[in-house]
C-alpha atoms as a PDB file:
ATOM      1  CA  UNK A   1      -0.590 -13.900  30.119  1.00  0.00           C
ATOM      2  CA  UNK A   2       0.703 -17.231  31.373  1.00  0.00           C
ATOM      3  CA  UNK A   3       4.339 -18.245  31.069  1.00  0.00           C
ATOM      4  CA  UNK A   4       3.255 -21.098  28.807  1.00  0.00           C
ATOM      5  CA  UNK A   5       1.523 -18.727  26.373  1.00  0.00           C
ATOM      6  CA  UNK A   6       4.402 -16.251  26.372  1.00  0.00           C
ATOM      7  CA  UNK A   7       6.673 -19.104  25.330  1.00  0.00           C
ATOM      8  CA  UNK A   8       4.532 -19.592  22.205  1.00  0.00           C
ATOM      9  CA  UNK A   9       5.291 -16.163  20.703  1.00  0.00           C
ATOM     10  CA  UNK A  10       8.542 -14.593  19.560  1.00  0.00           C
ATOM     11  CA  UNK A  11       7.933 -11.352  21.452  1.00  0.00           C
ATOM     12  CA  UNK A  12       6.739 -13.225  24.543  1.00  0.00           C
ATOM     13  CA  UNK A  13       9.928 -15.279  24.574  1.00  0.00           C
ATOM     14  CA  UNK A  14      12.005 -12.101  24.339  1.00  0.00           C
ATOM     15  CA  UNK A  15      10.230 -10.662  27.402  1.00  0.00           C
ATOM     16  CA  UNK A  16      10.842 -13.893  29.304  1.00  0.00           C
ATOM     17  CA  UNK A  17      14.514 -13.983  28.294  1.00  0.00           C
ATOM     18  CA  UNK A  18      15.026 -10.368  29.348  1.00  0.00           C
ATOM     19  CA  UNK A  19      13.558 -11.219  32.750  1.00  0.00           C
ATOM     20  CA  UNK A  20      15.653 -14.380  33.142  1.00  0.00           C
ATOM     21  CA  UNK A  21      18.840 -12.553  32.167  1.00  0.00           C
ATOM     22  CA  UNK A  22      18.096  -9.796  34.696  1.00  0.00           C
ATOM     23  CA  UNK A  23      17.913 -12.194  37.651  1.00  0.00           C
ATOM     24  CA  UNK A  24      20.635 -14.629  36.559  1.00  0.00           C
ATOM     25  CA  UNK A  25      23.336 -15.169  39.190  1.00  0.00           C
ATOM     26  CA  UNK A  26      21.618 -13.077  41.881  1.00  0.00           C
ATOM     27  CA  UNK A  27      20.540 -14.422  45.249  1.00  0.00           C
ATOM     28  CA  UNK A  28      17.137 -13.697  46.759  1.00  0.00           C
ATOM     29  CA  UNK A  29      18.873 -11.700  49.484  1.00  0.00           C
ATOM     30  CA  UNK A  30      20.650  -9.484  46.961  1.00  0.00           C
ATOM     31  CA  UNK A  31      17.482  -8.853  44.984  1.00  0.00           C
ATOM     32  CA  UNK A  32      15.431  -8.164  48.116  1.00  0.00           C
ATOM     33  CA  UNK A  33      18.013  -5.609  49.218  1.00  0.00           C
ATOM     34  CA  UNK A  34      17.861  -3.928  45.816  1.00  0.00           C
ATOM     35  CA  UNK A  35      14.062  -3.866  45.943  1.00  0.00           C
ATOM     36  CA  UNK A  36      14.054  -2.387  49.461  1.00  0.00           C
ATOM     37  CA  UNK A  37      16.596   0.274  48.515  1.00  0.00           C
ATOM     38  CA  UNK A  38      14.643   1.279  45.422  1.00  0.00           C
ATOM     39  CA  UNK A  39      11.357   1.409  47.363  1.00  0.00           C
ATOM     40  CA  UNK A  40      12.854   3.834  49.862  1.00  0.00           C
ATOM     41  CA  UNK A  41      14.090   6.123  47.075  1.00  0.00           C
ATOM     42  CA  UNK A  42      10.760   5.882  45.260  1.00  0.00           C
ATOM     43  CA  UNK A  43       8.706   6.618  48.381  1.00  0.00           C
ATOM     44  CA  UNK A  44      10.853   9.649  49.215  1.00  0.00           C
ATOM     45  CA  UNK A  45      10.531  11.012  45.690  1.00  0.00           C
ATOM     46  CA  UNK A  46       6.738  10.711  45.834  1.00  0.00           C
ATOM     47  CA  UNK A  47       6.647  12.390  49.248  1.00  0.00           C
ATOM     48  CA  UNK A  48       8.828  15.226  47.951  1.00  0.00           C
ATOM     49  CA  UNK A  49       6.572  15.651  44.908  1.00  0.00           C
ATOM     50  CA  UNK A  50       3.515  15.856  47.159  1.00  0.00           C
ATOM     51  CA  UNK A  51       5.239  18.514  49.291  1.00  0.00           C
ATOM     52  CA  UNK A  52       6.144  20.614  46.243  1.00  0.00           C
ATOM     53  CA  UNK A  53       2.585  20.384  44.909  1.00  0.00           C
ATOM     54  CA  UNK A  54       1.243  21.442  48.298  1.00  0.00           C
ATOM     55  CA  UNK A  55       3.456  24.522  48.317  1.00  0.00           C
ATOM     56  CA  UNK A  56       3.279  25.249  44.568  1.00  0.00           C
ATOM     57  CA  UNK A  57       0.008  23.853  43.177  1.00  0.00           C
ATOM     58  CA  UNK A  58       0.590  25.614  39.842  1.00  0.00           C
ATOM     59  CA  UNK A  59       3.879  23.833  39.129  1.00  0.00           C
ATOM     60  CA  UNK A  60       3.894  21.456  36.152  1.00  0.00           C
ATOM     61  CA  UNK A  61       5.456  18.019  36.353  1.00  0.00           C
ATOM     62  CA  UNK A  62       8.460  19.083  34.223  1.00  0.00           C
ATOM     63  CA  UNK A  63       9.078  21.933  36.699  1.00  0.00           C
ATOM     64  CA  UNK A  64       8.890  19.492  39.597  1.00  0.00           C
ATOM     65  CA  UNK A  65      11.212  17.082  37.822  1.00  0.00           C
ATOM     66  CA  UNK A  66      13.715  19.904  37.304  1.00  0.00           C
ATOM     67  CA  UNK A  67      13.716  20.488  41.069  1.00  0.00           C
ATOM     68  CA  UNK A  68      13.727  16.888  42.304  1.00  0.00           C
ATOM     69  CA  UNK A  69      15.013  14.896  39.376  1.00  0.00           C
ATOM     70  CA  UNK A  70      12.932  12.482  37.287  1.00  0.00           C
ATOM     71  CA  UNK A  71      10.800   9.749  38.794  1.00  0.00           C
ATOM     72  CA  UNK A  72      13.086   6.836  39.845  1.00  0.00           C
ATOM     73  CA  UNK A  73      11.283   4.321  37.651  1.00  0.00           C
ATOM     74  CA  UNK A  74      11.433   1.360  37.007  1.00  0.00           C
ATOM     75  CA  UNK A  75      11.837  -0.902  40.024  1.00  0.00           C
ATOM     76  CA  UNK A  76      14.488  -3.607  39.941  1.00  0.00           C
ATOM     77  CA  UNK A  77      13.574  -6.918  38.311  1.00  0.00           C
ATOM     78  CA  UNK A  78      13.129  -9.714  40.852  1.00  0.00           C
ATOM     79  CA  UNK A  79      11.207 -13.014  41.077  1.00  0.00           C
ATOM     80  CA  UNK A  80       8.994 -11.513  43.799  1.00  0.00           C
ATOM     81  CA  UNK A  81       8.181  -8.208  42.082  1.00  0.00           C
ATOM     82  CA  UNK A  82       4.696  -7.652  40.711  1.00  0.00           C
ATOM     83  CA  UNK A  83       6.087  -6.543  37.341  1.00  0.00           C
ATOM     84  CA  UNK A  84       7.784  -9.756  36.290  1.00  0.00           C
ATOM     85  CA  UNK A  85       6.337 -11.533  33.224  1.00  0.00           C
ATOM     86  CA  UNK A  86       3.238 -13.700  33.770  1.00  0.00           C
ATOM     87  CA  UNK A  87       2.894 -12.852  37.478  1.00  0.00           C
ATOM     88  CA  UNK A  88      -0.281 -10.784  37.013  1.00  0.00           C
ATOM     89  CA  UNK A  89      -1.974 -13.656  35.212  1.00  0.00           C
ATOM     90  CA  UNK A  90      -0.870 -16.232  37.788  1.00  0.00           C
ATOM     91  CA  UNK A  91      -1.663 -14.133  40.872  1.00  0.00           C
ATOM     92  CA  UNK A  92      -4.676 -12.084  39.778  1.00  0.00           C
ATOM     93  CA  UNK A  93      -6.409 -14.001  36.988  1.00  0.00           C
ATOM     94  CA  UNK A  94      -5.864 -17.751  37.165  1.00  0.00           C
ATOM     95  CA  UNK A  95      -6.278 -17.976  40.938  1.00  0.00           C
ATOM     96  CA  UNK A  96      -9.697 -16.328  40.990  1.00  0.00           C
ATOM     97  CA  UNK A  97     -11.280 -17.055  37.590  1.00  0.00           C
ATOM     98  CA  UNK A  98     -13.796 -17.923  36.427  1.00  0.00           C
ATOM     99  CA  UNK A  99     -16.386 -15.678  38.001  1.00  0.00           C
ATOM    100  CA  UNK A 100     -19.290 -13.933  36.307  1.00  0.00           C
ATOM    101  CA  UNK A 101     -18.194 -11.308  33.799  1.00  0.00           C
ATOM    102  CA  UNK A 102     -20.181  -9.321  31.279  1.00  0.00           C
ATOM    103  CA  UNK A 103     -17.014  -8.369  29.431  1.00  0.00           C
ATOM    104  CA  UNK A 104     -13.495  -6.985  29.645  1.00  0.00           C
ATOM    105  CA  UNK A 105     -12.333  -3.385  29.228  1.00  0.00           C
ATOM    106  CA  UNK A 106      -8.686  -3.497  28.118  1.00  0.00           C
ATOM    107  CA  UNK A 107      -6.525  -0.349  28.359  1.00  0.00           C
ATOM    108  CA  UNK A 108      -2.827  -1.153  28.053  1.00  0.00           C
ATOM    109  CA  UNK A 109       0.089  -0.934  25.664  1.00  0.00           C
ATOM    110  CA  UNK A 110       2.225   2.044  26.640  1.00  0.00           C
ATOM    111  CA  UNK A 111       5.157  -0.013  27.893  1.00  0.00           C
ATOM    112  CA  UNK A 112       5.080  -2.234  24.810  1.00  0.00           C
ATOM    113  CA  UNK A 113       5.871   0.655  22.463  1.00  0.00           C
ATOM    114  CA  UNK A 114       9.430  -0.545  21.803  1.00  0.00           C
ATOM    115  CA  UNK A 115       7.925  -3.794  20.498  1.00  0.00           C
ATOM    116  CA  UNK A 116       4.875  -2.279  18.819  1.00  0.00           C
ATOM    117  CA  UNK A 117       5.042  -4.490  15.722  1.00  0.00           C
ATOM    118  CA  UNK A 118       4.570  -7.673  17.771  1.00  0.00           C
ATOM    119  CA  UNK A 119       1.870  -6.334  20.074  1.00  0.00           C
ATOM    120  CA  UNK A 120      -1.013  -7.705  18.046  1.00  0.00           C
ATOM    121  CA  UNK A 121       0.119 -11.302  18.467  1.00  0.00           C
ATOM    122  CA  UNK A 122       0.314 -10.881  22.232  1.00  0.00           C
ATOM    123  CA  UNK A 123      -3.117  -9.230  22.436  1.00  0.00           C
ATOM    124  CA  UNK A 124      -4.698 -12.011  20.363  1.00  0.00           C
ATOM    125  CA  UNK A 125      -3.115 -14.559  22.672  1.00  0.00           C
ATOM    126  CA  UNK A 126      -4.289 -12.774  25.794  1.00  0.00           C
ATOM    127  CA  UNK A 127      -7.886 -12.588  24.578  1.00  0.00           C
ATOM    128  CA  UNK A 128      -7.876 -16.284  23.678  1.00  0.00           C
ATOM    129  CA  UNK A 129      -6.327 -17.293  27.010  1.00  0.00           C
ATOM    130  CA  UNK A 130      -8.732 -15.228  29.094  1.00  0.00           C
ATOM    131  CA  UNK A 131     -11.692 -16.598  27.163  1.00  0.00           C
ATOM    132  CA  UNK A 132     -10.416 -20.110  27.801  1.00  0.00           C
ATOM    133  CA  UNK A 133      -9.871 -19.300  31.474  1.00  0.00           C
ATOM    134  CA  UNK A 134     -13.470 -18.074  31.736  1.00  0.00           C
ATOM    135  CA  UNK A 135     -14.827 -20.919  29.556  1.00  0.00           C
ATOM    136  CA  UNK A 136     -16.476 -18.332  27.323  1.00  0.00           C
ATOM    137  CA  UNK A 137     -15.375 -18.077  23.692  1.00  0.00           C
ATOM    138  CA  UNK A 138     -17.620 -15.046  23.206  1.00  0.00           C
ATOM    139  CA  UNK A 139     -16.444 -13.026  26.209  1.00  0.00           C
ATOM    140  CA  UNK A 140     -16.587  -9.408  24.961  1.00  0.00           C
ATOM    141  CA  UNK A 141     -13.316  -7.484  24.823  1.00  0.00           C
ATOM    142  CA  UNK A 142     -13.447  -3.712  24.432  1.00  0.00           C
ATOM    143  CA  UNK A 143      -9.958  -2.436  23.656  1.00  0.00           C
ATOM    144  CA  UNK A 144      -8.913   1.182  24.203  1.00  0.00           C
ATOM    145  CA  UNK A 145      -6.696   2.383  21.401  1.00  0.00           C
ATOM    146  CA  UNK A 146      -3.770   4.321  22.874  1.00  0.00           C
ATOM    147  CA  UNK A 147      -4.501   8.057  23.253  1.00  0.00           C
ATOM    148  CA  UNK A 148      -2.257  10.890  22.142  1.00  0.00           C
ATOM    149  CA  UNK A 149       1.003  11.303  24.031  1.00  0.00           C
ATOM    150  CA  UNK A 150       4.679  11.924  23.509  1.00  0.00           C
ATOM    151  CA  UNK A 151       7.578  12.522  25.869  1.00  0.00           C
ATOM    152  CA  UNK A 152       8.985  16.028  25.665  1.00  0.00           C
ATOM    153  CA  UNK A 153      12.385  14.564  24.775  1.00  0.00           C
ATOM    154  CA  UNK A 154      10.896  12.977  21.624  1.00  0.00           C
ATOM    155  CA  UNK A 155       8.727  15.902  20.600  1.00  0.00           C
ATOM    156  CA  UNK A 156      10.955  17.142  17.759  1.00  0.00           C
ATOM    157  CA  UNK A 157      11.633  13.678  16.354  1.00  0.00           C
ATOM    158  CA  UNK A 158       8.589  11.483  16.886  1.00  0.00           C
ATOM    159  CA  UNK A 159       9.724   7.837  16.812  1.00  0.00           C
ATOM    160  CA  UNK A 160       6.223   6.917  15.507  1.00  0.00           C
ATOM    161  CA  UNK A 161       5.902   3.820  17.674  1.00  0.00           C
ATOM    162  CA  UNK A 162       2.520   4.715  19.204  1.00  0.00           C
ATOM    163  CA  UNK A 163       0.815   4.959  15.792  1.00  0.00           C
ATOM    164  CA  UNK A 164       2.073   1.466  14.957  1.00  0.00           C
ATOM    165  CA  UNK A 165       0.833   0.072  18.267  1.00  0.00           C
ATOM    166  CA  UNK A 166      -2.559   1.758  17.769  1.00  0.00           C
ATOM    167  CA  UNK A 167      -2.757   0.088  14.371  1.00  0.00           C
ATOM    168  CA  UNK A 168      -1.974  -3.307  15.930  1.00  0.00           C
ATOM    169  CA  UNK A 169      -4.753  -2.773  18.478  1.00  0.00           C
ATOM    170  CA  UNK A 170      -7.178  -1.763  15.730  1.00  0.00           C
ATOM    171  CA  UNK A 171      -6.397  -4.826  13.617  1.00  0.00           C
ATOM    172  CA  UNK A 172      -6.891  -7.227  16.539  1.00  0.00           C
ATOM    173  CA  UNK A 173     -10.215  -5.661  17.523  1.00  0.00           C
ATOM    174  CA  UNK A 174     -11.520  -5.759  13.960  1.00  0.00           C
ATOM    175  CA  UNK A 175     -10.359  -9.335  13.286  1.00  0.00           C
ATOM    176  CA  UNK A 176     -11.477 -10.872  16.598  1.00  0.00           C
ATOM    177  CA  UNK A 177     -15.138 -11.895  17.047  1.00  0.00           C
ATOM    178  CA  UNK A 178     -16.954 -10.224  19.957  1.00  0.00           C
ATOM    179  CA  UNK A 179     -14.273  -7.533  20.239  1.00  0.00           C
ATOM    180  CA  UNK A 180     -14.428  -3.813  19.609  1.00  0.00           C
ATOM    181  CA  UNK A 181     -12.127  -0.824  19.911  1.00  0.00           C
ATOM    182  CA  UNK A 182     -12.608   2.654  21.358  1.00  0.00           C
ATOM    183  CA  UNK A 183     -10.815   5.511  19.619  1.00  0.00           C
ATOM    184  CA  UNK A 184      -8.928   7.700  22.098  1.00  0.00           C
ATOM    185  CA  UNK A 185      -7.889  10.473  19.742  1.00  0.00           C
ATOM    186  CA  UNK A 186      -8.612  13.778  21.461  1.00  0.00           C
ATOM    187  CA  UNK A 187      -7.577  12.244  24.783  1.00  0.00           C
ATOM    188  CA  UNK A 188      -4.169  12.303  26.436  1.00  0.00           C
ATOM    189  CA  UNK A 189      -1.674  14.973  27.451  1.00  0.00           C
ATOM    190  CA  UNK A 190       1.674  16.097  26.132  1.00  0.00           C
ATOM    191  CA  UNK A 191       4.505  14.587  28.231  1.00  0.00           C
ATOM    192  CA  UNK A 192       2.072  13.174  30.817  1.00  0.00           C
ATOM    193  CA  UNK A 193       1.556   9.432  30.559  1.00  0.00           C
ATOM    194  CA  UNK A 194      -1.231   9.611  33.194  1.00  0.00           C
ATOM    195  CA  UNK A 195      -3.648  12.231  31.798  1.00  0.00           C
ATOM    196  CA  UNK A 196      -5.986  14.022  34.179  1.00  0.00           C
ATOM    197  CA  UNK A 197      -9.061  13.699  31.945  1.00  0.00           C
ATOM    198  CA  UNK A 198     -10.432  10.225  32.680  1.00  0.00           C
ATOM    199  CA  UNK A 199     -14.076  11.100  32.066  1.00  0.00           C
ATOM    200  CA  UNK A 200     -13.977  11.485  28.272  1.00  0.00           C
ATOM    201  CA  UNK A 201     -12.507   8.072  27.674  1.00  0.00           C
ATOM    202  CA  UNK A 202     -14.628   6.517  30.413  1.00  0.00           C
ATOM    203  CA  UNK A 203     -17.776   7.792  28.719  1.00  0.00           C
ATOM    204  CA  UNK A 204     -16.683   6.397  25.358  1.00  0.00           C
ATOM    205  CA  UNK A 205     -15.974   3.019  26.939  1.00  0.00           C
ATOM    206  CA  UNK A 206     -19.237   3.039  28.857  1.00  0.00           C
ATOM    207  CA  UNK A 207     -21.274   3.871  25.763  1.00  0.00           C
ATOM    208  CA  UNK A 208     -19.550   1.107  23.786  1.00  0.00           C
ATOM    209  CA  UNK A 209     -20.274  -1.423  26.531  1.00  0.00           C
ATOM    210  CA  UNK A 210     -23.923  -0.334  26.741  1.00  0.00           C
ATOM    211  CA  UNK A 211     -24.220  -0.701  22.967  1.00  0.00           C
ATOM    212  CA  UNK A 212     -22.242  -3.900  22.356  1.00  0.00           C
ATOM    213  CA  UNK A 213     -22.895  -5.887  25.529  1.00  0.00           C
ATOM    214  CA  UNK A 214     -26.246  -4.611  26.755  1.00  0.00           C
ATOM    215  CA  UNK A 215     -27.857  -3.870  23.396  1.00  0.00           C
ATOM    216  CA  UNK A 216     -28.777  -0.231  23.980  1.00  0.00           C
ATOM    217  CA  UNK A 217     -29.005   2.008  20.919  1.00  0.00           C
ATOM    218  CA  UNK A 218     -26.340   4.473  21.991  1.00  0.00           C
ATOM    219  CA  UNK A 219     -23.978   6.097  19.453  1.00  0.00           C
ATOM    220  CA  UNK A 220     -20.451   4.810  20.038  1.00  0.00           C
ATOM    221  CA  UNK A 221     -18.839   4.395  16.597  1.00  0.00           C
ATOM    222  CA  UNK A 222     -15.989   6.627  15.463  1.00  0.00           C
ATOM    223  CA  UNK A 223     -15.430   7.591  11.808  1.00  0.00           C
ATOM    224  CA  UNK A 224     -13.453   4.824  10.145  1.00  0.00           C
ATOM    225  CA  UNK A 225     -11.693   4.594   6.794  1.00  0.00           C
ATOM    226  CA  UNK A 226     -13.661   2.541   4.258  1.00  0.00           C
ATOM    227  CA  UNK A 227     -12.085   3.682   0.989  1.00  0.00           C
ATOM    228  CA  UNK A 228      -9.096   5.633  -0.307  1.00  0.00           C
ATOM    229  CA  UNK A 229      -8.885   6.666  -3.946  1.00  0.00           C
ATOM    230  CA  UNK A 230      -6.961   9.017  -6.195  1.00  0.00           C
ATOM    231  CA  UNK A 231      -9.236  11.712  -7.634  1.00  0.00           C
ATOM    232  CA  UNK A 232     -10.084  11.678 -11.329  1.00  0.00           C
ATOM    233  CA  UNK A 233      -7.623  14.467 -12.038  1.00  0.00           C
ATOM    234  CA  UNK A 234      -4.926  12.678 -10.058  1.00  0.00           C
ATOM    235  CA  UNK A 235      -4.059  15.655  -7.858  1.00  0.00           C
ATOM    236  CA  UNK A 236      -6.008  14.721  -4.722  1.00  0.00           C
ATOM    237  CA  UNK A 237      -6.607  11.772  -2.446  1.00  0.00           C
ATOM    238  CA  UNK A 238     -10.255  11.100  -1.649  1.00  0.00           C
ATOM    239  CA  UNK A 239     -10.862   9.498   1.765  1.00  0.00           C
ATOM    240  CA  UNK A 240     -14.252   7.954   2.529  1.00  0.00           C
ATOM    241  CA  UNK A 241     -15.324   7.490   6.159  1.00  0.00           C
ATOM    242  CA  UNK A 242     -18.304   5.664   7.617  1.00  0.00           C
ATOM    243  CA  UNK A 243     -19.986   6.618  10.912  1.00  0.00           C
ATOM    244  CA  UNK A 244     -19.356  10.138   9.647  1.00  0.00           C
ATOM    245  CA  UNK A 245     -22.679  11.956   9.796  1.00  0.00           C
ATOM    246  CA  UNK A 246     -22.003  15.508  10.986  1.00  0.00           C
ATOM    247  CA  UNK A 247     -18.294  15.260  10.155  1.00  0.00           C
ATOM    248  CA  UNK A 248     -16.496  18.403  11.326  1.00  0.00           C
ATOM    249  CA  UNK A 249     -13.262  19.858  12.681  1.00  0.00           C
ATOM    250  CA  UNK A 250     -12.738  20.548  16.377  1.00  0.00           C
ATOM    251  CA  UNK A 251      -9.547  21.915  17.914  1.00  0.00           C
ATOM    252  CA  UNK A 252      -6.218  20.483  16.813  1.00  0.00           C
ATOM    253  CA  UNK A 253      -4.567  18.512  19.631  1.00  0.00           C
ATOM    254  CA  UNK A 254      -6.207  17.444  22.919  1.00  0.00           C
ATOM    255  CA  UNK A 255      -5.110  20.583  24.763  1.00  0.00           C
ATOM    256  CA  UNK A 256      -6.799  22.875  22.218  1.00  0.00           C
ATOM    257  CA  UNK A 257      -9.863  20.622  22.036  1.00  0.00           C
ATOM    258  CA  UNK A 258     -10.417  20.994  25.766  1.00  0.00           C
ATOM    259  CA  UNK A 259      -9.920  24.757  25.575  1.00  0.00           C
ATOM    260  CA  UNK A 260     -12.772  25.401  23.142  1.00  0.00           C
ATOM    261  CA  UNK A 261     -16.435  24.438  23.258  1.00  0.00           C
ATOM    262  CA  UNK A 262     -17.438  25.202  19.677  1.00  0.00           C
ATOM    263  CA  UNK A 263     -16.691  23.356  16.448  1.00  0.00           C
ATOM    264  CA  UNK A 264     -15.203  24.780  13.288  1.00  0.00           C
ATOM    265  CA  UNK A 265     -17.806  25.945  10.784  1.00  0.00           C
ATOM    266  CA  UNK A 266     -15.356  25.784   7.876  1.00  0.00           C
ATOM    267  CA  UNK A 267     -15.216  22.526   5.952  1.00  0.00           C
ATOM    268  CA  UNK A 268     -11.491  23.030   5.308  1.00  0.00           C
ATOM    269  CA  UNK A 269      -8.321  22.664   7.331  1.00  0.00           C
ATOM    270  CA  UNK A 270      -4.895  23.799   6.208  1.00  0.00           C
ATOM    271  CA  UNK A 271      -1.874  21.546   6.009  1.00  0.00           C
ATOM    272  CA  UNK A 272      -0.255  21.004   9.378  1.00  0.00           C
ATOM    273  CA  UNK A 273      -3.553  21.341  11.241  1.00  0.00           C
ATOM    274  CA  UNK A 274      -5.753  18.761   9.511  1.00  0.00           C
ATOM    275  CA  UNK A 275      -3.991  15.657  10.816  1.00  0.00           C
ATOM    276  CA  UNK A 276      -3.783  14.321   7.249  1.00  0.00           C
ATOM    277  CA  UNK A 277      -0.623  13.614   5.257  1.00  0.00           C
ATOM    278  CA  UNK A 278      -0.090  12.363   1.708  1.00  0.00           C
ATOM    279  CA  UNK A 279       2.787  10.811  -0.217  1.00  0.00           C
ATOM    280  CA  UNK A 280       3.666  10.169  -3.842  1.00  0.00           C
ATOM    281  CA  UNK A 281       4.566   6.513  -3.260  1.00  0.00           C
ATOM    282  CA  UNK A 282       4.851   3.879  -0.560  1.00  0.00           C
ATOM    283  CA  UNK A 283       8.519   4.663   0.075  1.00  0.00           C
ATOM    284  CA  UNK A 284       8.405   8.465  -0.245  1.00  0.00           C
ATOM    285  CA  UNK A 285       8.078  10.981   2.560  1.00  0.00           C
ATOM    286  CA  UNK A 286       4.607  11.910   3.812  1.00  0.00           C
ATOM    287  CA  UNK A 287       3.883  15.641   3.872  1.00  0.00           C
ATOM    288  CA  UNK A 288       1.042  17.507   5.625  1.00  0.00           C
ATOM    289  CA  UNK A 289      -2.043  17.911   3.467  1.00  0.00           C
ATOM    290  CA  UNK A 290      -4.770  20.504   3.123  1.00  0.00           C
ATOM    291  CA  UNK A 291      -8.114  18.808   3.781  1.00  0.00           C
ATOM    292  CA  UNK A 292     -11.713  19.654   2.991  1.00  0.00           C
ATOM    293  CA  UNK A 293     -14.893  17.827   3.865  1.00  0.00           C
ATOM    294  CA  UNK A 294     -17.039  17.368   0.747  1.00  0.00           C
ATOM    295  CA  UNK A 295     -20.788  16.672   0.579  1.00  0.00           C
ATOM    296  CA  UNK A 296     -21.663  13.708  -1.628  1.00  0.00           C
ATOM    297  CA  UNK A 297     -25.242  12.989  -2.683  1.00  0.00           C
ATOM    298  CA  UNK A 298     -24.335   9.520  -3.955  1.00  0.00           C
ATOM    299  CA  UNK A 299     -23.225   8.266  -0.536  1.00  0.00           C
ATOM    300  CA  UNK A 300     -25.410   7.028   2.292  1.00  0.00           C
ATOM    301  CA  UNK A 301     -26.299   9.324   5.165  1.00  0.00           C
ATOM    302  CA  UNK A 302     -23.596   7.689   7.298  1.00  0.00           C
ATOM    303  CA  UNK A 303     -20.749   8.302   4.809  1.00  0.00           C
ATOM    304  CA  UNK A 304     -18.628  11.388   4.204  1.00  0.00           C
ATOM    305  CA  UNK A 305     -15.518  12.128   2.136  1.00  0.00           C
ATOM    306  CA  UNK A 306     -12.432  14.239   2.781  1.00  0.00           C
ATOM    307  CA  UNK A 307     -10.285  15.524  -0.107  1.00  0.00           C
ATOM    308  CA  UNK A 308      -6.543  15.878   0.492  1.00  0.00           C
ATOM    309  CA  UNK A 309      -4.016  17.866  -1.521  1.00  0.00           C
ATOM    310  CA  UNK A 310      -0.599  19.463  -1.288  1.00  0.00           C
ATOM    311  CA  UNK A 311       1.442  21.415  -3.854  1.00  0.00           C
ATOM    312  CA  UNK A 312       4.451  19.380  -2.692  1.00  0.00           C
ATOM    313  CA  UNK A 313       2.794  16.164  -3.884  1.00  0.00           C
ATOM    314  CA  UNK A 314       1.100  16.841  -7.246  1.00  0.00           C
ATOM    315  CA  UNK A 315       0.290  13.157  -7.812  1.00  0.00           C
ATOM    316  CA  UNK A 316      -0.361  11.491  -4.440  1.00  0.00           C
ATOM    317  CA  UNK A 317      -0.983   7.755  -4.094  1.00  0.00           C
ATOM    318  CA  UNK A 318      -0.903   7.226  -0.309  1.00  0.00           C
ATOM    319  CA  UNK A 319      -2.443   8.940   2.694  1.00  0.00           C
ATOM    320  CA  UNK A 320      -2.523   8.729   6.450  1.00  0.00           C
ATOM    321  CA  UNK A 321      -4.417  10.374   9.284  1.00  0.00           C
ATOM    322  CA  UNK A 322      -3.347  11.118  12.879  1.00  0.00           C
ATOM    323  CA  UNK A 323      -0.231   9.036  12.312  1.00  0.00           C
ATOM    324  CA  UNK A 324       1.670  10.738  15.117  1.00  0.00           C
ATOM    325  CA  UNK A 325       2.260   9.912  18.758  1.00  0.00           C
ATOM    326  CA  UNK A 326       1.067  13.438  19.490  1.00  0.00           C
ATOM    327  CA  UNK A 327      -0.231  15.731  16.788  1.00  0.00           C
ATOM    328  CA  UNK A 328      -3.264  17.123  14.989  1.00  0.00           C
ATOM    329  CA  UNK A 329      -6.319  14.838  15.029  1.00  0.00           C
ATOM    330  CA  UNK A 330      -9.258  17.261  14.760  1.00  0.00           C
ATOM    331  CA  UNK A 331     -11.759  15.210  12.721  1.00  0.00           C
ATOM    332  CA  UNK A 332     -14.960  14.266  14.610  1.00  0.00           C
ATOM    333  CA  UNK A 333     -18.437  13.045  13.728  1.00  0.00           C
ATOM    334  CA  UNK A 334     -21.705  14.570  14.907  1.00  0.00           C
ATOM    335  CA  UNK A 335     -21.694  12.390  18.022  1.00  0.00           C
ATOM    336  CA  UNK A 336     -18.424  14.009  19.118  1.00  0.00           C
ATOM    337  CA  UNK A 337     -16.346  10.897  18.391  1.00  0.00           C
ATOM    338  CA  UNK A 338     -12.913  11.227  16.733  1.00  0.00           C
ATOM    339  CA  UNK A 339     -11.834   9.522  13.524  1.00  0.00           C
ATOM    340  CA  UNK A 340      -9.600   6.460  13.816  1.00  0.00           C
ATOM    341  CA  UNK A 341      -5.978   6.890  12.689  1.00  0.00           C
ATOM    342  CA  UNK A 342      -4.956   5.064   9.523  1.00  0.00           C
ATOM    343  CA  UNK A 343      -2.148   4.754   6.992  1.00  0.00           C
ATOM    344  CA  UNK A 344      -2.561   3.357   3.521  1.00  0.00           C
END
């Protein structure tokens, strides 16, 4: 995004101010020396990691970090670093656009997690600015919703910032014309921000582009919440999904999903493994819920319902699904596409 556009949003201004404060009172010579020193440390760490992997190819990254120390990230903030605000737009977008594009695939958001609540405003602004830069108000934007991930240090007490950022991404994609979103549940790795499996998400993106931009009739829609009701008896929440033909359970978290090829024949999943949680009120604690997929003759062929219950919440009023940075998200449709997270 441009500096001008960042100035128009509260979160953008905070990023700019953080940058300006970081370089205040420093000379170019001082900042160049800091950049050079960091680069040497960073290059050595990467070389050492490569050497360890060569000698011990079975070592995990946490094992390597225990030997060498954590990755020396981030680089120092300077006016000539590629990571300063607005530099990517100025150097890599504005200077070369417009050229012919069929659309944009947007996969970003991890480093905005501390400001997840304001992410939607920035993403809306970016889409509008790029469309203006390309003189195309209908330029397609396909947004990748953040996959599953959590740092090992946060595993016991999930700060729940990634679910909020995913929700911001979902809202922007649904409210912006000529935009769509790809669900990345089932993708990602525990404590690895750069997951090895690129193919799964690449295929989902490719299919969505072929469908939305090129008009091919390829399945690309994930199950999505369309209705949430309390059951007639008041003891269950009834969740209705669209794009849900062939709704089934598969694995639990991405690591278990990759380890098995079959899908669960049972229509039920116990609490703690279903990915669903329920609560008695908007301000009460969510608890894991038992879930069962129910056939309904009165719904269209594309719709399915999931019933949720827990003895800890005899009269639930709220529900959520996959509302964790890393956790159970085993609900898929017959096309092998995971259900979008939600909270309501």
